[in-house]
Protein backbone atom coordinates (compact mmCIF):
# COMPACT_ATOMS: atom_id res chain seq x y z
CA UNK A 1 55.68 4.41 -32.24
CA UNK A 2 53.91 1.66 -34.20
CA UNK A 3 54.50 1.76 -37.96
CA UNK A 4 51.31 1.79 -40.06
CA UNK A 5 50.97 1.53 -43.82
CA UNK A 6 51.20 4.64 -46.00
CA UNK A 7 52.86 6.64 -43.24
CA UNK A 8 49.64 6.88 -41.24
CA UNK A 9 49.45 6.93 -37.47
CA UNK A 10 46.40 4.67 -37.56
CA UNK A 11 45.34 1.57 -39.46
CA UNK A 12 43.51 3.15 -42.39
CA UNK A 13 40.91 1.08 -44.22
CA UNK A 14 41.28 3.29 -47.28
CA UNK A 15 44.39 1.45 -48.37
CA UNK A 16 43.32 -1.98 -47.07
CA UNK A 17 42.21 -3.31 -50.47
CA UNK A 18 45.29 -1.91 -52.16
CA UNK A 19 47.50 -3.72 -49.67
CA UNK A 20 45.58 -7.01 -49.77
CA UNK A 21 44.33 -7.09 -53.38
CA UNK A 22 46.69 -4.70 -55.13
CA UNK A 23 44.10 -2.15 -56.25
CA UNK A 24 41.36 0.13 -54.98
CA UNK A 25 37.94 -1.48 -54.69
CA UNK A 26 35.15 1.09 -54.62
CA UNK A 27 31.79 0.33 -52.99
CA UNK A 28 28.65 0.76 -55.10
CA UNK A 29 25.53 1.13 -52.95
CA UNK A 30 22.56 -1.14 -53.62
CA UNK A 31 19.04 -0.78 -52.24
CA UNK A 32 17.46 -4.23 -52.47
CA UNK A 33 14.20 -3.26 -50.82
CA UNK A 34 14.80 -4.64 -47.32
CA UNK A 35 13.26 -3.38 -44.11
CA UNK A 36 14.21 -3.86 -40.41
CA UNK A 37 12.64 -5.85 -37.56
CA UNK A 38 12.28 -2.66 -35.52
CA UNK A 39 10.19 -1.17 -38.33
CA UNK A 40 7.82 -3.97 -39.32
CA UNK A 41 6.68 -4.87 -35.81
CA UNK A 42 8.83 -7.95 -35.25
CA UNK A 43 10.69 -6.24 -32.40
CA UNK A 44 9.37 -2.71 -32.72
CA UNK A 45 7.94 0.05 -34.88
CA UNK A 46 9.34 3.24 -36.34
CA UNK A 47 12.96 2.15 -36.70
CA UNK A 48 15.93 3.72 -34.90
CA UNK A 49 15.14 7.17 -33.52
CA UNK A 50 18.02 8.82 -35.44
CA UNK A 51 17.44 7.12 -38.79
CA UNK A 52 16.38 8.50 -42.14
CA UNK A 53 17.91 6.25 -44.80
CA UNK A 54 17.51 8.94 -47.45
CA UNK A 55 20.13 11.02 -45.61
CA UNK A 56 22.93 8.66 -46.70
CA UNK A 57 21.33 7.18 -49.80
CA UNK A 58 22.88 7.99 -53.21
CA UNK A 59 20.48 9.05 -55.93
CA UNK A 60 21.37 6.15 -58.22
CA UNK A 61 20.31 3.56 -55.63
CA UNK A 62 16.62 2.63 -55.62
CA UNK A 63 14.77 -0.66 -55.04
CA UNK A 64 12.67 0.17 -58.10
CA UNK A 65 15.72 -0.44 -60.30
CA UNK A 66 17.22 -3.87 -61.09
CA UNK A 67 20.43 -4.59 -59.19
CA UNK A 68 22.58 -4.49 -62.33
CA UNK A 69 21.14 -1.09 -63.26
CA UNK A 70 22.01 0.26 -59.80
CA UNK A 71 25.54 -1.11 -60.19
CA UNK A 72 25.97 0.37 -63.68
CA UNK A 73 24.75 3.78 -62.55
CA UNK A 74 26.87 3.60 -59.40
CA UNK A 75 29.98 2.86 -61.43
CA UNK A 76 29.28 5.85 -63.66
CA UNK A 77 28.76 7.99 -60.56
CA UNK A 78 32.08 6.97 -59.02
CA UNK A 79 34.12 7.16 -62.22
CA UNK A 80 34.06 10.95 -61.92
CA UNK A 81 36.16 10.71 -58.76
CA UNK A 82 37.86 7.30 -59.07
CA UNK A 83 38.78 7.09 -62.72
CA UNK A 84 41.25 4.25 -62.25
CA UNK A 85 38.83 1.92 -60.44
CA UNK A 86 38.40 -1.40 -62.26
CA UNK A 87 36.62 -3.70 -59.81
CA UNK A 88 33.81 -2.79 -57.45
CA UNK A 89 32.11 -4.10 -54.33
CA UNK A 90 28.32 -4.33 -54.31
CA UNK A 91 27.36 -2.70 -51.00
CA UNK A 92 23.96 -3.82 -49.73
CA UNK A 93 23.53 -0.83 -47.44
CA UNK A 94 19.93 0.29 -46.95
CA UNK A 95 18.17 -1.13 -43.90
CA UNK A 96 18.93 -4.76 -42.80
CA UNK A 97 20.29 -6.75 -45.72
CA UNK A 98 20.13 -10.22 -44.21
CA UNK A 99 16.52 -9.76 -43.06
CA UNK A 100 14.94 -12.27 -45.44
CA UNK A 101 14.85 -16.06 -45.95
CA UNK A 102 18.11 -17.51 -47.25
CA UNK A 103 16.74 -18.37 -50.75
CA UNK A 104 15.86 -14.70 -51.29
CA UNK A 105 19.28 -13.58 -50.04
CA UNK A 106 21.01 -16.03 -52.39
CA UNK A 107 19.08 -14.64 -55.35
CA UNK A 108 20.03 -11.04 -54.56
CA UNK A 109 23.69 -11.64 -53.68
CA UNK A 110 24.35 -13.93 -56.66
CA UNK A 111 22.68 -11.44 -58.99
CA UNK A 112 25.06 -8.69 -57.80
CA UNK A 113 28.09 -10.97 -58.04
CA UNK A 114 27.20 -11.91 -61.62
CA UNK A 115 27.93 -8.34 -62.72
CA UNK A 116 31.29 -8.44 -64.54
CA UNK A 117 32.73 -5.44 -62.63
CA UNK A 118 31.79 -6.73 -59.15
CA UNK A 119 34.54 -8.50 -57.21
CA UNK A 120 32.62 -9.01 -53.98
CA UNK A 121 29.79 -7.97 -51.70
CA UNK A 122 29.57 -5.94 -48.50
CA UNK A 123 26.41 -6.66 -46.51
CA UNK A 124 25.15 -4.12 -44.01
CA UNK A 125 22.82 -5.61 -41.42
CA UNK A 126 21.76 -5.85 -37.78
CA UNK A 127 23.15 -8.41 -35.33
CA UNK A 128 19.68 -9.86 -34.73
CA UNK A 129 19.22 -10.62 -38.45
CA UNK A 130 21.86 -13.33 -38.83
CA UNK A 131 21.99 -17.03 -37.99
CA UNK A 132 24.24 -20.03 -38.56
CA UNK A 133 22.43 -21.11 -41.74
CA UNK A 134 23.07 -17.74 -43.41
CA UNK A 135 26.66 -17.57 -42.13
CA UNK A 136 27.40 -21.10 -43.34
CA UNK A 137 26.20 -20.20 -46.84
CA UNK A 138 28.20 -16.94 -46.87
CA UNK A 139 31.29 -18.88 -45.82
CA UNK A 140 30.81 -21.34 -48.68
CA UNK A 141 30.33 -18.38 -51.05
CA UNK A 142 33.60 -16.85 -49.86
CA UNK A 143 35.35 -20.19 -50.28
CA UNK A 144 34.22 -20.51 -53.91
CA UNK A 145 31.69 -23.33 -53.57
CA UNK A 146 28.55 -21.42 -54.59
CA UNK A 147 29.43 -19.91 -57.97
CA UNK A 148 31.27 -22.45 -60.13
CA UNK A 149 33.12 -20.71 -62.92
CA UNK A 150 33.08 -17.29 -61.24
CA UNK A 151 36.38 -15.54 -61.94
CA UNK A 152 37.89 -12.08 -61.54
CA UNK A 153 41.31 -10.54 -62.04
CA UNK A 154 42.08 -8.19 -59.15
CA UNK A 155 45.36 -6.35 -58.89
CA UNK A 156 46.95 -8.66 -61.45
CA UNK A 157 46.01 -11.82 -59.57
CA UNK A 158 43.34 -14.39 -60.41
CA UNK A 159 40.45 -15.11 -58.00
CA UNK A 160 37.84 -17.85 -58.21
CA UNK A 161 35.78 -16.73 -55.21
CA UNK A 162 34.28 -13.35 -54.36
CA UNK A 163 35.14 -11.08 -51.45
CA UNK A 164 32.47 -11.31 -48.72
CA UNK A 165 32.27 -8.78 -45.88
CA UNK A 166 29.60 -8.40 -43.19
CA UNK A 167 29.06 -4.99 -41.61
CA UNK A 168 26.98 -4.86 -38.44
CA UNK A 169 25.26 -1.77 -37.15
CA UNK A 170 25.96 -1.99 -33.42
CA UNK A 171 25.85 1.78 -32.70
CA UNK A 172 26.50 1.56 -28.95
CA UNK A 173 27.92 -0.91 -26.42
CA UNK A 174 25.43 0.22 -23.76
CA UNK A 175 22.07 -1.54 -23.44
CA UNK A 176 20.44 1.57 -21.95
CA UNK A 177 21.38 3.55 -25.06
CA UNK A 178 20.26 0.80 -27.43
CA UNK A 179 16.85 0.75 -25.76
CA UNK A 180 16.59 4.54 -25.87
CA UNK A 181 17.27 4.71 -29.60
CA UNK A 182 14.84 1.83 -30.33
CA UNK A 183 17.39 -0.63 -31.68
CA UNK A 184 15.45 -3.66 -30.50
CA UNK A 185 18.55 -5.69 -29.54
CA UNK A 186 21.16 -5.56 -26.80
CA UNK A 187 24.97 -5.63 -26.87
CA UNK A 188 25.05 -9.35 -26.04
CA UNK A 189 23.23 -9.95 -29.33
CA UNK A 190 25.91 -7.95 -31.16
CA UNK A 191 28.71 -9.81 -29.42
CA UNK A 192 27.14 -13.14 -30.39
CA UNK A 193 26.67 -12.15 -34.05
CA UNK A 194 30.23 -10.90 -34.44
CA UNK A 195 31.60 -14.00 -32.72
CA UNK A 196 29.61 -16.35 -34.95
CA UNK A 197 30.68 -14.48 -38.08
CA UNK A 198 34.35 -14.69 -37.12
CA UNK A 199 33.97 -18.40 -36.34
CA UNK A 200 32.77 -18.94 -39.92
CA UNK A 201 35.83 -17.06 -41.21
CA UNK A 202 33.93 -14.06 -42.56
CA UNK A 203 35.57 -10.63 -42.50
CA UNK A 204 33.41 -8.54 -40.19
CA UNK A 205 33.10 -4.82 -39.57
CA UNK A 206 30.95 -2.80 -37.19
CA UNK A 207 29.42 0.65 -37.10
CA UNK A 208 29.21 2.89 -34.02
CA UNK A 209 27.71 6.35 -33.44
CA UNK A 210 29.52 8.79 -31.15
CA UNK A 211 27.35 11.27 -29.26
CA UNK A 212 24.14 9.30 -28.72
CA UNK A 213 21.87 10.66 -25.96
CA UNK A 214 22.83 9.73 -22.41
CA UNK A 215 26.47 9.00 -23.26
CA UNK A 216 29.15 11.38 -22.04
CA UNK A 217 32.71 11.62 -23.31
CA UNK A 218 34.12 9.10 -20.84
CA UNK A 219 31.41 6.55 -21.59
CA UNK A 220 32.27 6.76 -25.27
CA UNK A 221 35.97 6.31 -24.59
CA UNK A 222 35.20 3.33 -22.35
CA UNK A 223 33.54 1.65 -25.34
CA UNK A 224 36.97 1.18 -26.90
CA UNK A 225 37.75 -1.73 -24.57
CA UNK A 226 34.43 -3.39 -25.44
CA UNK A 227 35.08 -2.91 -29.15
CA UNK A 228 38.58 -4.35 -28.75
CA UNK A 229 37.07 -7.48 -27.22
CA UNK A 230 35.11 -8.25 -30.42
CA UNK A 231 36.73 -10.30 -33.22
CA UNK A 232 36.31 -7.50 -35.75
CA UNK A 233 38.39 -6.72 -38.83
CA UNK A 234 37.24 -3.10 -39.17
CA UNK A 235 35.26 -0.37 -37.44
CA UNK A 236 33.33 2.61 -38.74
CA UNK A 237 32.48 5.62 -36.55
CA UNK A 238 30.10 8.50 -37.22
CA UNK A 239 29.49 11.54 -35.09
CA UNK A 240 25.79 11.90 -34.28
CA UNK A 241 23.97 14.22 -36.66
CA UNK A 242 20.40 15.26 -35.87
CA UNK A 243 18.40 14.59 -39.03
CA UNK A 244 15.22 16.52 -39.76
CA UNK A 245 11.96 14.72 -39.15
CA UNK A 246 13.38 11.97 -36.95
CA UNK A 247 12.22 11.19 -33.43
CA UNK A 248 15.69 12.12 -32.24
CA UNK A 249 15.17 15.65 -33.56
CA UNK A 250 12.22 15.99 -31.18
CA UNK A 251 14.20 14.41 -28.34
CA UNK A 252 17.08 16.82 -28.88
CA UNK A 253 14.70 19.79 -28.89
CA UNK A 254 13.16 18.71 -25.59
CA UNK A 255 16.33 17.70 -23.69
CA UNK A 256 19.53 18.96 -25.39
CA UNK A 257 21.43 18.53 -22.11
CA UNK A 258 21.34 14.75 -22.67
CA UNK A 259 23.55 15.07 -25.76
CA UNK A 260 27.32 15.45 -25.89
CA UNK A 261 28.12 17.84 -28.72
CA UNK A 262 31.56 18.40 -30.21
CA UNK A 263 33.13 21.36 -31.91
CA UNK A 264 35.22 20.36 -34.93
CA UNK A 265 38.50 20.74 -33.03
CA UNK A 266 37.00 19.01 -30.01
CA UNK A 267 35.91 16.02 -32.08
CA UNK A 268 39.32 15.66 -33.74
CA UNK A 269 40.96 15.64 -30.29
CA UNK A 270 38.35 13.25 -28.93
CA UNK A 271 38.86 10.79 -31.76
CA UNK A 272 42.63 10.95 -31.28
CA UNK A 273 41.94 9.89 -27.68
CA UNK A 274 39.73 7.07 -28.97
CA UNK A 275 42.41 5.88 -31.40
CA UNK A 276 44.92 5.57 -28.58
CA UNK A 277 42.56 3.07 -26.93
CA UNK A 278 41.70 0.98 -30.00
CA UNK A 279 43.55 -2.21 -30.98
CA UNK A 280 46.11 -1.31 -33.64
CA UNK A 281 45.08 -4.22 -35.88
CA UNK A 282 41.56 -2.82 -36.27
CA UNK A 283 41.11 -1.08 -39.62
CA UNK A 284 39.47 2.34 -39.26
CA UNK A 285 37.07 2.60 -42.18
CA UNK A 286 35.56 5.93 -41.20
CA UNK A 287 35.65 8.32 -38.25
CA UNK A 288 33.08 10.90 -39.35
CA UNK A 289 29.87 10.92 -41.36
CA UNK A 290 28.54 13.31 -43.97
CA UNK A 291 24.82 14.04 -44.18
CA UNK A 292 23.71 16.31 -47.05
CA UNK A 293 22.93 19.79 -45.64
CA UNK A 294 19.28 19.63 -46.72
CA UNK A 295 18.67 16.86 -44.15
CA UNK A 296 19.85 18.86 -41.11
CA UNK A 297 18.82 22.16 -39.53
CA UNK A 298 22.39 23.23 -38.90
CA UNK A 299 25.93 22.34 -39.91
CA UNK A 300 28.03 23.36 -36.88
CA UNK A 301 31.26 22.30 -38.62
CA UNK A 302 30.39 24.12 -41.82
CA UNK A 303 30.50 22.26 -45.14
CA UNK A 304 33.93 20.71 -44.62
CA UNK A 305 34.42 17.53 -46.65
CA UNK A 306 35.66 14.17 -45.44
CA UNK A 307 39.05 14.46 -47.14
CA UNK A 308 39.83 17.64 -45.18
CA UNK A 309 38.69 16.00 -41.94
CA UNK A 310 41.16 13.20 -42.59
CA UNK A 311 43.92 15.76 -43.03
CA UNK A 312 42.97 17.40 -39.74
CA UNK A 313 43.13 14.06 -37.94
CA UNK A 314 46.53 13.25 -39.44
CA UNK A 315 47.84 16.65 -38.40
CA UNK A 316 46.50 16.37 -34.85
CA UNK A 317 48.04 12.92 -34.37
CA UNK A 318 51.40 14.31 -35.50
CA UNK A 319 51.10 17.34 -33.21
CA UNK A 320 50.35 15.08 -30.27
CA UNK A 321 52.95 12.50 -31.39
CA UNK A 322 50.41 9.75 -30.79
CA UNK A 323 48.98 6.79 -32.70
CA UNK A 324 46.32 4.07 -32.73
CA UNK A 325 46.81 1.59 -29.91
CA UNK A 326 49.28 3.73 -28.00
CA UNK A 327 47.52 2.92 -24.73
CA UNK A 328 46.76 -0.72 -25.59
CA UNK A 329 48.99 -3.68 -24.80
CA UNK A 330 49.31 -5.61 -28.05
CA UNK A 331 50.56 -9.00 -29.18
CA UNK A 332 53.19 -9.68 -31.84
CA UNK A 333 50.50 -10.80 -34.32
CA UNK A 334 48.57 -7.54 -33.87
CA UNK A 335 51.79 -5.59 -34.37
CA UNK A 336 52.42 -7.40 -37.67
CA UNK A 337 48.88 -6.69 -38.89
CA UNK A 338 49.46 -2.92 -38.73
CA UNK A 339 52.00 -3.03 -41.55
């Protein structure tokens, strides 16, 4: 069996910052007022069929508030749970956070990084909202050339450049699915964006949804090989949740047979199967999502919280005596990156 940090049977992203930077770095969500090209008519209208940003939007985050106010309120929000957190990551989450001219992006990112408790930025975006000019500037930001005099102490060490992470919403590796959910880009676009980001030396993550219409269990498992082929640092998975008022709610009502639904035990087993197929050097940032109950018509798994879901996954991996990458041939460098 491969040996992962903290006794896990998979490469957990939870402890990534502790291992690399010596302390926990908590994300603070920022809404900077962006939109998406599949909302404003550039490539489409109405946005993704499953999307309601309010369903995963913390109350402290609003584009009506200055960025520093959102950060201050986010820190207060998280201090209830993470009392020992010292440094934070400004998480530009809502909509597509590179969908603006570079001068506007610079203003927003540098404003967040000027907050004394912010050690870096995480930028959530779409693969069709990035280009070499933006990536080149982000690389120079990461390398310390854009904020002379910027300085933070993280985990007892001194840093003169901020942490910079890009997180792409890819959602599916299948073009048919991407068209059906109104993404407005194909998988080749995602592959190109991730490849460019890695070439500029930027840590890159990706987000995928499991259970999108038209995809059966085997199709989802087959995505693992396509994900493995991308130069990603981390991956984030959510099970599909049907949010009230979305176009997908209407689609589900009219053709539920097109959707693969999981019981709680079934999803835990399914994700254990997925882990066996994923490269062991990929950090697993999340494997489930939580939508507040008021946004959905039903909660088939009850009101179980993420921490208990993590315990269930750990237990199931132990029961099956399996681990991330079990069915993947790995190199020596990938083996080292699991520790």
